[in-house]
Amino acid sequence: MCLYGIFVICALCGYLLGSVPFGLVLTRIAGYGDIRKIGSGNIGATNVLRTGNKWLALLTVLLDAFKAGIAAYVAAKVIPSQDFYFLGLGATTNIVGSLIAGSFGVLGHMFPVWLKFKGGKGVSSAFGLLLMTNWQIALISLGVWLLMAFTFKYSSLSALTAAISMPIVSFFMLPLVYTIFYTAIVILVVAKHHANIMRLIKGQESKISFKKK
């Protein structure tokens, strides 16, 4: 099989894995019904937290991160490492395949085929991709999220700030091919948060709460 055929398979497998709506599945199993009918209507961990079940929200975060992360990890291990030029940039085949698989995992979470392409905002899945492709930057982004979350207590602001830090930090630490993929993911994450951004501007965004309702 040609190299580009392998990349297509990486994209397809990553997307299908990312499309599994763990937040929706877990809340239904736990007896909370359709998570899309409460809070923001999102299937991500922040909305799962609105059920008051912290452990269920944590499990959702881990599984959503796992989706894109495992796709990136498997691609990196399966594809042989060979020098390769992607968009004119020097890289290796396994790195490009890993970034493609992981990025499409995030895309699948955001636009799952099973839910008529109405999915989550991609923050947890993006972190999973980052963790498997460069754990140092993943820790930096996590640190940014924690700092913003404890300082301002806005989940959306924390997520946006952490996401934006990804390509900025990678630009100084990694080959440019990483920054290209990370930037594409960040653009999608920011676009998915457009309603949150408007509420933040208006001072109407809800703050993080760990209390049961």
N, C-alpha and C. Protein backbone atom coordinates (compact mmCIF):
# COMPACT_ATOMS: atom_id res chain seq x y z
N MET A 1 0.85 -1.20 0.00
CA MET A 1 0.00 0.00 0.00
C MET A 1 0.88 1.25 0.00
N CYS A 2 0.46 2.26 -0.76
CA CYS A 2 1.24 3.49 -0.83
C CYS A 2 1.13 4.26 0.48
N LEU A 3 2.09 5.14 0.71
CA LEU A 3 2.15 5.88 1.96
C LEU A 3 0.90 6.73 2.19
N TYR A 4 0.41 7.37 1.13
CA TYR A 4 -0.77 8.23 1.31
C TYR A 4 -2.01 7.40 1.62
N GLY A 5 -2.04 6.15 1.13
CA GLY A 5 -3.13 5.25 1.49
C GLY A 5 -3.11 4.94 2.97
N ILE A 6 -1.91 4.78 3.52
CA ILE A 6 -1.76 4.54 4.96
C ILE A 6 -2.25 5.74 5.75
N PHE A 7 -1.93 6.93 5.27
CA PHE A 7 -2.38 8.15 5.96
C PHE A 7 -3.90 8.26 5.94
N VAL A 8 -4.53 7.85 4.84
CA VAL A 8 -5.99 7.86 4.75
C VAL A 8 -6.59 6.90 5.78
N ILE A 9 -5.98 5.74 5.91
CA ILE A 9 -6.45 4.76 6.90
C ILE A 9 -6.29 5.33 8.32
N CYS A 10 -5.17 6.01 8.57
CA CYS A 10 -4.96 6.66 9.86
C CYS A 10 -6.07 7.66 10.16
N ALA A 11 -6.40 8.45 9.15
CA ALA A 11 -7.44 9.47 9.31
C ALA A 11 -8.80 8.82 9.58
N LEU A 12 -9.13 7.79 8.83
CA LEU A 12 -10.42 7.12 8.97
C LEU A 12 -10.55 6.43 10.32
N CYS A 13 -9.53 5.68 10.71
CA CYS A 13 -9.57 4.99 12.00
C CYS A 13 -9.61 5.98 13.16
N GLY A 14 -8.81 7.05 13.05
CA GLY A 14 -8.81 8.07 14.09
C GLY A 14 -10.18 8.73 14.22
N TYR A 15 -10.80 9.03 13.09
CA TYR A 15 -12.11 9.68 13.10
C TYR A 15 -13.17 8.78 13.73
N LEU A 16 -13.21 7.51 13.33
CA LEU A 16 -14.22 6.59 13.85
C LEU A 16 -14.05 6.37 15.35
N LEU A 17 -12.80 6.26 15.80
CA LEU A 17 -12.55 6.11 17.23
C LEU A 17 -12.95 7.37 17.98
N GLY A 18 -12.62 8.52 17.41
CA GLY A 18 -12.98 9.79 18.05
C GLY A 18 -14.46 10.04 18.09
N SER A 19 -15.21 9.39 17.21
CA SER A 19 -16.66 9.60 17.12
C SER A 19 -17.44 8.90 18.24
N VAL A 20 -16.79 8.01 18.99
CA VAL A 20 -17.49 7.33 20.08
C VAL A 20 -17.86 8.34 21.17
N PRO A 21 -19.16 8.60 21.41
CA PRO A 21 -19.59 9.65 22.36
C PRO A 21 -19.63 9.15 23.80
N PHE A 22 -18.47 9.05 24.43
CA PHE A 22 -18.39 8.48 25.77
C PHE A 22 -19.24 9.24 26.79
N GLY A 23 -19.28 10.57 26.70
CA GLY A 23 -20.08 11.35 27.64
C GLY A 23 -21.55 10.96 27.59
N LEU A 24 -22.06 10.79 26.40
CA LEU A 24 -23.46 10.40 26.21
C LEU A 24 -23.71 8.98 26.70
N VAL A 25 -22.80 8.07 26.34
CA VAL A 25 -22.95 6.67 26.72
C VAL A 25 -22.89 6.50 28.24
N LEU A 26 -21.91 7.13 28.88
CA LEU A 26 -21.73 6.98 30.32
C LEU A 26 -22.90 7.54 31.12
N THR A 27 -23.39 8.71 30.73
CA THR A 27 -24.50 9.31 31.48
C THR A 27 -25.78 8.50 31.33
N ARG A 28 -25.97 7.90 30.18
CA ARG A 28 -27.14 7.04 30.00
C ARG A 28 -27.02 5.78 30.84
N ILE A 29 -25.83 5.18 30.87
CA ILE A 29 -25.62 3.99 31.68
C ILE A 29 -25.82 4.31 33.16
N ALA A 30 -25.39 5.50 33.57
CA ALA A 30 -25.51 5.91 34.98
C ALA A 30 -26.92 6.35 35.35
N GLY A 31 -27.81 6.42 34.36
CA GLY A 31 -29.20 6.76 34.65
C GLY A 31 -29.54 8.23 34.61
N TYR A 32 -28.67 9.04 34.00
CA TYR A 32 -28.93 10.47 33.92
C TYR A 32 -29.67 10.86 32.64
N GLY A 33 -29.95 9.91 31.80
CA GLY A 33 -30.65 10.20 30.56
C GLY A 33 -29.73 10.78 29.49
N ASP A 34 -30.29 11.60 28.63
CA ASP A 34 -29.56 12.19 27.52
C ASP A 34 -28.86 13.46 27.98
N ILE A 35 -27.53 13.42 28.03
CA ILE A 35 -26.75 14.57 28.50
C ILE A 35 -26.97 15.80 27.63
N ARG A 36 -27.41 15.59 26.40
CA ARG A 36 -27.64 16.71 25.49
C ARG A 36 -28.85 17.54 25.86
N LYS A 37 -29.65 17.06 26.83
CA LYS A 37 -30.86 17.77 27.23
C LYS A 37 -30.68 18.57 28.52
N ILE A 38 -29.45 18.61 29.04
CA ILE A 38 -29.19 19.41 30.23
C ILE A 38 -28.03 20.37 29.98
N GLY A 39 -27.93 21.38 30.79
CA GLY A 39 -26.81 22.32 30.70
C GLY A 39 -26.63 22.91 29.33
N SER A 40 -25.40 22.81 28.83
CA SER A 40 -25.08 23.37 27.51
C SER A 40 -25.51 22.48 26.37
N GLY A 41 -25.91 21.23 26.69
CA GLY A 41 -26.29 20.30 25.63
C GLY A 41 -25.09 19.60 25.01
N ASN A 42 -23.93 19.86 25.56
CA ASN A 42 -22.69 19.28 25.03
C ASN A 42 -22.48 17.88 25.59
N ILE A 43 -21.71 17.04 24.86
CA ILE A 43 -21.46 15.68 25.33
C ILE A 43 -20.13 15.56 26.07
N GLY A 44 -19.46 16.67 26.31
CA GLY A 44 -18.15 16.65 26.95
C GLY A 44 -18.22 16.59 28.46
N ALA A 45 -17.03 16.51 29.08
CA ALA A 45 -16.92 16.31 30.52
C ALA A 45 -17.49 17.47 31.34
N THR A 46 -17.35 18.70 30.84
CA THR A 46 -17.86 19.85 31.59
C THR A 46 -19.36 19.76 31.77
N ASN A 47 -20.05 19.33 30.74
CA ASN A 47 -21.49 19.19 30.85
C ASN A 47 -21.87 17.96 31.68
N VAL A 48 -21.06 16.91 31.59
CA VAL A 48 -21.29 15.72 32.42
C VAL A 48 -21.18 16.10 33.89
N LEU A 49 -20.26 17.03 34.20
CA LEU A 49 -20.08 17.48 35.58
C LEU A 49 -21.34 18.14 36.12
N ARG A 50 -22.15 18.67 35.24
CA ARG A 50 -23.40 19.33 35.66
C ARG A 50 -24.43 18.33 36.20
N THR A 51 -24.17 17.04 36.02
CA THR A 51 -25.03 16.04 36.65
C THR A 51 -24.74 15.96 38.14
N GLY A 52 -23.59 16.52 38.56
CA GLY A 52 -23.17 16.44 39.95
C GLY A 52 -22.29 15.25 40.24
N ASN A 53 -22.06 14.41 39.24
CA ASN A 53 -21.25 13.22 39.42
C ASN A 53 -19.82 13.50 38.95
N LYS A 54 -18.93 13.80 39.91
CA LYS A 54 -17.55 14.16 39.58
C LYS A 54 -16.79 13.00 38.96
N TRP A 55 -17.04 11.78 39.45
CA TRP A 55 -16.31 10.62 38.95
C TRP A 55 -16.70 10.30 37.51
N LEU A 56 -17.96 10.52 37.20
CA LEU A 56 -18.42 10.28 35.83
C LEU A 56 -17.79 11.30 34.89
N ALA A 57 -17.68 12.54 35.35
CA ALA A 57 -17.05 13.59 34.55
C ALA A 57 -15.57 13.28 34.34
N LEU A 58 -14.91 12.80 35.39
CA LEU A 58 -13.49 12.44 35.28
C LEU A 58 -13.29 11.29 34.31
N LEU A 59 -14.17 10.29 34.38
CA LEU A 59 -14.08 9.16 33.46
C LEU A 59 -14.30 9.61 32.02
N THR A 60 -15.21 10.55 31.83
CA THR A 60 -15.46 11.10 30.50
C THR A 60 -14.22 11.79 29.96
N VAL A 61 -13.56 12.58 30.80
CA VAL A 61 -12.32 13.26 30.39
C VAL A 61 -11.28 12.24 29.95
N LEU A 62 -11.09 11.21 30.75
CA LEU A 62 -10.06 10.21 30.45
C LEU A 62 -10.35 9.45 29.16
N LEU A 63 -11.61 9.07 28.97
CA LEU A 63 -11.96 8.32 27.77
C LEU A 63 -11.93 9.19 26.52
N ASP A 64 -12.35 10.45 26.65
CA ASP A 64 -12.29 11.36 25.50
C ASP A 64 -10.84 11.65 25.11
N ALA A 65 -9.98 11.76 26.11
CA ALA A 65 -8.55 11.95 25.82
C ALA A 65 -7.96 10.68 25.22
N PHE A 66 -8.41 9.55 25.72
CA PHE A 66 -7.92 8.25 25.26
C PHE A 66 -8.18 8.08 23.76
N LYS A 67 -9.33 8.54 23.28
CA LYS A 67 -9.71 8.33 21.88
C LYS A 67 -8.64 8.84 20.91
N ALA A 68 -8.34 10.10 21.01
CA ALA A 68 -7.35 10.69 20.10
C ALA A 68 -5.95 10.24 20.46
N GLY A 69 -5.70 10.06 21.75
CA GLY A 69 -4.38 9.67 22.20
C GLY A 69 -3.98 8.29 21.71
N ILE A 70 -4.89 7.33 21.82
CA ILE A 70 -4.56 5.97 21.39
C ILE A 70 -4.41 5.89 19.88
N ALA A 71 -5.21 6.69 19.16
CA ALA A 71 -5.08 6.73 17.69
C ALA A 71 -3.70 7.22 17.29
N ALA A 72 -3.24 8.28 17.96
CA ALA A 72 -1.91 8.84 17.67
C ALA A 72 -0.81 7.86 18.06
N TYR A 73 -0.98 7.21 19.21
CA TYR A 73 0.03 6.29 19.70
C TYR A 73 0.19 5.07 18.79
N VAL A 74 -0.93 4.46 18.41
CA VAL A 74 -0.89 3.26 17.56
C VAL A 74 -0.26 3.58 16.20
N ALA A 75 -0.65 4.72 15.62
CA ALA A 75 -0.09 5.11 14.32
C ALA A 75 1.42 5.30 14.41
N ALA A 76 1.87 5.92 15.49
CA ALA A 76 3.30 6.16 15.67
C ALA A 76 4.08 4.85 15.79
N LYS A 77 3.46 3.84 16.39
CA LYS A 77 4.14 2.56 16.60
C LYS A 77 4.06 1.65 15.38
N VAL A 78 2.96 1.72 14.64
CA VAL A 78 2.74 0.79 13.52
C VAL A 78 3.44 1.24 12.24
N ILE A 79 3.43 2.54 11.98
CA ILE A 79 4.01 3.06 10.73
C ILE A 79 5.53 3.12 10.85
N PRO A 80 6.26 2.53 9.91
CA PRO A 80 7.73 2.59 9.93
C PRO A 80 8.22 4.03 9.84
N SER A 81 9.29 4.32 10.53
CA SER A 81 9.85 5.67 10.52
C SER A 81 10.78 5.87 9.33
N GLN A 82 10.36 6.76 8.44
CA GLN A 82 11.16 7.11 7.28
C GLN A 82 11.13 8.62 7.10
N ASP A 83 12.21 9.17 6.58
CA ASP A 83 12.22 10.60 6.30
C ASP A 83 11.14 10.93 5.30
N PHE A 84 10.43 12.04 5.56
CA PHE A 84 9.27 12.38 4.73
C PHE A 84 9.07 13.89 4.75
N TYR A 85 8.68 14.44 3.61
CA TYR A 85 8.38 15.87 3.54
C TYR A 85 6.87 16.07 3.49
N PHE A 86 6.36 16.77 4.48
CA PHE A 86 4.93 17.07 4.56
C PHE A 86 4.74 18.57 4.40
N LEU A 87 4.04 18.97 3.33
CA LEU A 87 3.86 20.39 3.01
C LEU A 87 5.20 21.11 2.92
N GLY A 88 6.19 20.38 2.43
CA GLY A 88 7.51 20.96 2.26
C GLY A 88 8.35 21.00 3.51
N LEU A 89 7.84 20.41 4.59
CA LEU A 89 8.55 20.43 5.86
C LEU A 89 9.13 19.06 6.16
N GLY A 90 10.33 19.01 6.64
CA GLY A 90 10.96 17.75 6.97
C GLY A 90 10.31 17.11 8.19
N ALA A 91 10.02 15.81 8.08
CA ALA A 91 9.41 15.06 9.17
C ALA A 91 9.71 13.58 8.96
N THR A 92 9.05 12.74 9.68
CA THR A 92 9.13 11.30 9.45
C THR A 92 7.72 10.76 9.26
N THR A 93 7.62 9.63 8.57
CA THR A 93 6.31 9.08 8.24
C THR A 93 5.49 8.73 9.48
N ASN A 94 6.13 8.19 10.50
CA ASN A 94 5.37 7.80 11.69
C ASN A 94 4.86 9.01 12.47
N ILE A 95 5.63 10.10 12.47
CA ILE A 95 5.18 11.32 13.15
C ILE A 95 3.98 11.92 12.42
N VAL A 96 4.06 12.01 11.11
CA VAL A 96 2.94 12.56 10.33
C VAL A 96 1.71 11.68 10.49
N GLY A 97 1.89 10.36 10.40
CA GLY A 97 0.77 9.45 10.58
C GLY A 97 0.14 9.58 11.95
N SER A 98 0.97 9.73 12.97
CA SER A 98 0.49 9.90 14.33
C SER A 98 -0.32 11.19 14.48
N LEU A 99 0.19 12.28 13.93
CA LEU A 99 -0.51 13.56 14.00
C LEU A 99 -1.82 13.53 13.23
N ILE A 100 -1.83 12.84 12.09
CA ILE A 100 -3.06 12.71 11.31
C ILE A 100 -4.11 11.91 12.07
N ALA A 101 -3.71 10.74 12.59
CA ALA A 101 -4.64 9.88 13.32
C ALA A 101 -5.20 10.58 14.55
N GLY A 102 -4.34 11.22 15.32
CA GLY A 102 -4.78 11.91 16.52
C GLY A 102 -5.66 13.11 16.21
N SER A 103 -5.30 13.87 15.18
CA SER A 103 -6.08 15.05 14.81
C SER A 103 -7.48 14.65 14.33
N PHE A 104 -7.56 13.57 13.58
CA PHE A 104 -8.87 13.10 13.13
C PHE A 104 -9.66 12.47 14.28
N GLY A 105 -8.95 12.01 15.31
CA GLY A 105 -9.64 11.58 16.51
C GLY A 105 -10.35 12.74 17.18
N VAL A 106 -9.66 13.88 17.25
CA VAL A 106 -10.27 15.10 17.79
C VAL A 106 -11.43 15.54 16.90
N LEU A 107 -11.24 15.47 15.60
CA LEU A 107 -12.28 15.85 14.66
C LEU A 107 -13.52 14.96 14.82
N GLY A 108 -13.29 13.67 15.03
CA GLY A 108 -14.39 12.75 15.24
C GLY A 108 -15.18 13.07 16.49
N HIS A 109 -14.48 13.48 17.55
CA HIS A 109 -15.16 13.86 18.79
C HIS A 109 -16.01 15.12 18.57
N MET A 110 -15.50 16.05 17.80
CA MET A 110 -16.23 17.28 17.54
C MET A 110 -17.42 17.08 16.61
N PHE A 111 -17.22 16.23 15.62
CA PHE A 111 -18.26 16.03 14.61
C PHE A 111 -18.51 14.53 14.40
N PRO A 112 -19.09 13.85 15.40
CA PRO A 112 -19.29 12.39 15.32
C PRO A 112 -20.39 12.02 14.33
N VAL A 113 -20.08 11.07 13.50
CA VAL A 113 -21.04 10.64 12.49
C VAL A 113 -22.28 10.05 13.13
N TRP A 114 -22.13 9.44 14.32
CA TRP A 114 -23.26 8.79 14.99
C TRP A 114 -24.27 9.78 15.55
N LEU A 115 -23.85 11.02 15.77
CA LEU A 115 -24.73 12.03 16.38
C LEU A 115 -25.01 13.17 15.41
N LYS A 116 -25.07 12.85 14.13
CA LYS A 116 -25.35 13.84 13.09
C LYS A 116 -24.33 14.99 13.13
N PHE A 117 -23.08 14.65 13.43
CA PHE A 117 -21.94 15.57 13.43
C PHE A 117 -22.05 16.67 14.49
N LYS A 118 -22.85 16.41 15.55
CA LYS A 118 -22.98 17.36 16.65
C LYS A 118 -22.33 16.76 17.88
N GLY A 119 -21.07 17.10 18.12
CA GLY A 119 -20.31 16.50 19.21
C GLY A 119 -19.79 17.48 20.22
N GLY A 120 -18.68 17.11 20.85
CA GLY A 120 -18.09 17.94 21.89
C GLY A 120 -17.19 19.03 21.34
N LYS A 121 -16.51 19.70 22.25
CA LYS A 121 -15.69 20.84 21.86
C LYS A 121 -14.22 20.49 21.68
N GLY A 122 -13.86 19.24 21.95
CA GLY A 122 -12.55 18.76 21.57
C GLY A 122 -11.41 19.00 22.53
N VAL A 123 -11.68 19.56 23.70
CA VAL A 123 -10.59 19.92 24.61
C VAL A 123 -9.89 18.67 25.16
N SER A 124 -10.67 17.74 25.70
CA SER A 124 -10.07 16.52 26.27
C SER A 124 -9.36 15.71 25.19
N SER A 125 -9.99 15.59 24.03
CA SER A 125 -9.39 14.82 22.94
C SER A 125 -8.11 15.48 22.44
N ALA A 126 -8.11 16.80 22.39
CA ALA A 126 -6.91 17.53 21.98
C ALA A 126 -5.78 17.30 22.97
N PHE A 127 -6.12 17.22 24.26
CA PHE A 127 -5.10 16.95 25.27
C PHE A 127 -4.54 15.54 25.10
N GLY A 128 -5.41 14.59 24.76
CA GLY A 128 -4.94 13.23 24.51
C GLY A 128 -3.98 13.16 23.35
N LEU A 129 -4.31 13.87 22.28
CA LEU A 129 -3.41 13.97 21.12
C LEU A 129 -2.07 14.56 21.54
N LEU A 130 -2.13 15.63 22.29
CA LEU A 130 -0.92 16.32 22.73
C LEU A 130 -0.08 15.43 23.64
N LEU A 131 -0.73 14.71 24.53
CA LEU A 131 -0.03 13.85 25.47
C LEU A 131 0.76 12.75 24.76
N MET A 132 0.18 12.21 23.69
CA MET A 132 0.82 11.12 22.97
C MET A 132 1.86 11.59 21.95
N THR A 133 1.78 12.83 21.53
CA THR A 133 2.73 13.33 20.53
C THR A 133 3.85 14.15 21.16
N ASN A 134 3.60 14.78 22.31
CA ASN A 134 4.66 15.45 23.04
C ASN A 134 4.18 15.73 24.46
N TRP A 135 4.57 14.88 25.39
CA TRP A 135 4.05 14.96 26.75
C TRP A 135 4.52 16.22 27.49
N GLN A 136 5.69 16.76 27.09
CA GLN A 136 6.18 17.96 27.77
C GLN A 136 5.23 19.15 27.53
N ILE A 137 4.82 19.33 26.27
CA ILE A 137 3.90 20.42 25.97
C ILE A 137 2.53 20.14 26.57
N ALA A 138 2.16 18.86 26.65
CA ALA A 138 0.90 18.49 27.28
C ALA A 138 0.88 18.95 28.74
N LEU A 139 1.99 18.76 29.44
CA LEU A 139 2.07 19.18 30.84
C LEU A 139 2.03 20.70 30.97
N ILE A 140 2.66 21.39 30.03
CA ILE A 140 2.62 22.86 30.04
C ILE A 140 1.19 23.34 29.84
N SER A 141 0.48 22.76 28.88
CA SER A 141 -0.91 23.14 28.61
C SER A 141 -1.80 22.82 29.81
N LEU A 142 -1.55 21.67 30.45
CA LEU A 142 -2.31 21.32 31.64
C LEU A 142 -2.07 22.33 32.75
N GLY A 143 -0.82 22.74 32.89
CA GLY A 143 -0.49 23.76 33.88
C GLY A 143 -1.21 25.07 33.62
N VAL A 144 -1.29 25.45 32.34
CA VAL A 144 -2.01 26.67 31.96
C VAL A 144 -3.48 26.54 32.31
N TRP A 145 -4.06 25.36 32.03
CA TRP A 145 -5.48 25.13 32.33
C TRP A 145 -5.74 25.25 33.83
N LEU A 146 -4.90 24.61 34.62
CA LEU A 146 -5.08 24.63 36.07
C LEU A 146 -4.94 26.05 36.63
N LEU A 147 -3.95 26.78 36.13
CA LEU A 147 -3.74 28.15 36.58
C LEU A 147 -4.95 29.01 36.28
N MET A 148 -5.45 28.92 35.06
CA MET A 148 -6.62 29.72 34.66
C MET A 148 -7.88 29.28 35.40
N ALA A 149 -8.03 27.97 35.59
CA ALA A 149 -9.22 27.44 36.24
C ALA A 149 -9.30 27.89 37.71
N PHE A 150 -8.19 27.79 38.41
CA PHE A 150 -8.19 28.17 39.83
C PHE A 150 -8.21 29.68 40.02
N THR A 151 -7.71 30.41 39.01
CA THR A 151 -7.67 31.87 39.12
C THR A 151 -9.02 32.50 38.76
N PHE A 152 -9.58 32.08 37.61
CA PHE A 152 -10.80 32.73 37.12
C PHE A 152 -12.06 31.86 37.23
N LYS A 153 -11.87 30.54 37.38
CA LYS A 153 -12.98 29.59 37.57
C LYS A 153 -13.94 29.53 36.38
N TYR A 154 -13.41 29.78 35.18
CA TYR A 154 -14.19 29.61 33.96
C TYR A 154 -13.60 28.44 33.18
N SER A 155 -14.38 27.38 33.02
CA SER A 155 -13.89 26.21 32.30
C SER A 155 -13.54 26.55 30.86
N SER A 156 -14.40 27.31 30.21
CA SER A 156 -14.19 27.64 28.80
C SER A 156 -12.94 28.50 28.61
N LEU A 157 -12.74 29.48 29.48
CA LEU A 157 -11.57 30.35 29.39
C LEU A 157 -10.30 29.55 29.63
N SER A 158 -10.35 28.64 30.58
CA SER A 158 -9.20 27.79 30.87
C SER A 158 -8.86 26.91 29.68
N ALA A 159 -9.90 26.33 29.08
CA ALA A 159 -9.70 25.44 27.93
C ALA A 159 -9.14 26.21 26.73
N LEU A 160 -9.68 27.37 26.47
CA LEU A 160 -9.22 28.17 25.34
C LEU A 160 -7.77 28.61 25.51
N THR A 161 -7.44 29.06 26.71
CA THR A 161 -6.07 29.51 26.98
C THR A 161 -5.07 28.36 26.86
N ALA A 162 -5.45 27.20 27.41
CA ALA A 162 -4.58 26.03 27.34
C ALA A 162 -4.40 25.58 25.90
N ALA A 163 -5.50 25.60 25.14
CA ALA A 163 -5.43 25.17 23.74
C ALA A 163 -4.53 26.10 22.93
N ILE A 164 -4.68 27.38 23.12
CA ILE A 164 -3.89 28.36 22.36
C ILE A 164 -2.41 28.24 22.69
N SER A 165 -2.12 27.79 23.92
CA SER A 165 -0.71 27.64 24.30
C SER A 165 -0.02 26.51 23.53
N MET A 166 -0.80 25.55 23.01
CA MET A 166 -0.23 24.40 22.32
C MET A 166 0.67 24.78 21.14
N PRO A 167 0.12 25.45 20.11
CA PRO A 167 0.97 25.77 18.97
C PRO A 167 2.04 26.81 19.28
N ILE A 168 1.75 27.69 20.23
CA ILE A 168 2.74 28.72 20.58
C ILE A 168 3.99 28.08 21.17
N VAL A 169 3.79 27.19 22.13
CA VAL A 169 4.92 26.52 22.77
C VAL A 169 5.61 25.57 21.79
N SER A 170 4.82 24.85 21.00
CA SER A 170 5.40 23.89 20.06
C SER A 170 6.26 24.57 19.00
N PHE A 171 5.92 25.80 18.65
CA PHE A 171 6.69 26.55 17.66
C PHE A 171 8.14 26.71 18.09
N PHE A 172 8.35 26.84 19.40
CA PHE A 172 9.71 27.04 19.92
C PHE A 172 10.40 25.74 20.32
N MET A 173 9.63 24.65 20.43
CA MET A 173 10.20 23.41 20.95
C MET A 173 10.29 22.26 19.95
N LEU A 174 9.41 22.29 18.93
CA LEU A 174 9.28 21.13 18.05
C LEU A 174 9.41 21.52 16.58
N PRO A 175 9.61 20.53 15.70
CA PRO A 175 9.58 20.80 14.26
C PRO A 175 8.25 21.43 13.86
N LEU A 176 8.28 22.23 12.82
CA LEU A 176 7.12 23.03 12.44
C LEU A 176 5.89 22.19 12.06
N VAL A 177 6.09 20.94 11.67
CA VAL A 177 4.96 20.10 11.28
C VAL A 177 3.99 19.92 12.46
N TYR A 178 4.53 19.85 13.67
CA TYR A 178 3.67 19.73 14.86
C TYR A 178 2.80 20.98 15.01
N THR A 179 3.42 22.13 14.85
CA THR A 179 2.71 23.40 15.02
C THR A 179 1.56 23.53 14.03
N ILE A 180 1.76 23.02 12.82
CA ILE A 180 0.70 23.09 11.80
C ILE A 180 -0.53 22.30 12.25
N PHE A 181 -0.31 21.09 12.71
CA PHE A 181 -1.43 20.26 13.17
C PHE A 181 -2.06 20.84 14.43
N TYR A 182 -1.24 21.27 15.38
CA TYR A 182 -1.78 21.84 16.62
C TYR A 182 -2.59 23.10 16.34
N THR A 183 -2.10 23.92 15.40
CA THR A 183 -2.82 25.15 15.07
C THR A 183 -4.19 24.84 14.47
N ALA A 184 -4.24 23.84 13.59
CA ALA A 184 -5.52 23.44 12.98
C ALA A 184 -6.50 23.00 14.05
N ILE A 185 -6.03 22.23 15.03
CA ILE A 185 -6.89 21.77 16.12
C ILE A 185 -7.38 22.95 16.95
N VAL A 186 -6.49 23.88 17.26
CA VAL A 186 -6.85 25.04 18.08
C VAL A 186 -7.92 25.89 17.38
N ILE A 187 -7.79 26.07 16.08
CA ILE A 187 -8.79 26.83 15.33
C ILE A 187 -10.17 26.20 15.49
N LEU A 188 -10.23 24.86 15.40
CA LEU A 188 -11.50 24.15 15.56
C LEU A 188 -12.03 24.28 16.99
N VAL A 189 -11.13 24.16 17.98
CA VAL A 189 -11.54 24.28 19.38
C VAL A 189 -12.11 25.67 19.66
N VAL A 190 -11.44 26.69 19.17
CA VAL A 190 -11.92 28.07 19.37
C VAL A 190 -13.27 28.27 18.68
N ALA A 191 -13.41 27.74 17.46
CA ALA A 191 -14.67 27.87 16.73
C ALA A 191 -15.81 27.18 17.49
N LYS A 192 -15.51 26.03 18.09
CA LYS A 192 -16.52 25.29 18.86
C LYS A 192 -16.93 26.03 20.13
N HIS A 193 -16.07 26.93 20.59
CA HIS A 193 -16.34 27.70 21.80
C HIS A 193 -16.92 29.08 21.51
N HIS A 194 -17.42 29.29 20.30
CA HIS A 194 -17.87 30.65 19.94
C HIS A 194 -18.96 31.17 20.88
N ALA A 195 -19.89 30.30 21.28
CA ALA A 195 -20.95 30.74 22.19
C ALA A 195 -20.37 31.08 23.56
N ASN A 196 -19.42 30.29 24.02
CA ASN A 196 -18.78 30.57 25.31
C ASN A 196 -18.02 31.88 25.28
N ILE A 197 -17.36 32.14 24.15
CA ILE A 197 -16.61 33.39 24.01
C ILE A 197 -17.54 34.59 24.11
N MET A 198 -18.70 34.50 23.47
CA MET A 198 -19.66 35.60 23.54
C MET A 198 -20.17 35.79 24.97
N ARG A 199 -20.41 34.68 25.68
CA ARG A 199 -20.87 34.79 27.07
C ARG A 199 -19.78 35.36 27.98
N LEU A 200 -18.52 35.00 27.70
CA LEU A 200 -17.42 35.56 28.47
C LEU A 200 -17.33 37.06 28.27
N ILE A 201 -17.48 37.50 27.05
CA ILE A 201 -17.43 38.94 26.73
C ILE A 201 -18.55 39.70 27.45
N LYS A 202 -19.72 39.04 27.51
CA LYS A 202 -20.89 39.68 28.14
C LYS A 202 -20.93 39.48 29.65
N GLY A 203 -20.00 38.69 30.17
CA GLY A 203 -19.98 38.42 31.60
C GLY A 203 -21.08 37.47 32.03
N GLN A 204 -21.54 36.62 31.13
CA GLN A 204 -22.66 35.73 31.40
C GLN A 204 -22.25 34.25 31.48
N GLU A 205 -20.96 33.97 31.34
CA GLU A 205 -20.51 32.58 31.35
C GLU A 205 -20.55 32.03 32.78
N SER A 206 -21.03 30.79 32.91
CA SER A 206 -21.10 30.15 34.22
C SER A 206 -19.72 29.70 34.66
N LYS A 207 -19.51 29.70 35.97
CA LYS A 207 -18.21 29.32 36.51
C LYS A 207 -18.19 27.83 36.88
N ILE A 208 -16.98 27.32 37.07
CA ILE A 208 -16.81 25.92 37.43
C ILE A 208 -17.38 25.70 38.83
N SER A 209 -18.16 24.63 38.96
CA SER A 209 -18.74 24.27 40.26
C SER A 209 -18.62 22.77 40.44
N PHE A 210 -18.21 22.35 41.62
CA PHE A 210 -18.08 20.93 41.91
C PHE A 210 -19.14 20.47 42.91
N LYS A 211 -20.15 21.31 43.10
CA LYS A 211 -21.22 20.96 44.04
C LYS A 211 -22.35 20.23 43.31
N LYS A 212 -22.93 19.28 44.00
CA LYS A 212 -24.08 18.58 43.43
C LYS A 212 -25.29 19.49 43.45
N LYS A 213 -26.06 19.39 42.37
CA LYS A 213 -27.28 20.20 42.31
C LYS A 213 -28.46 19.44 42.89
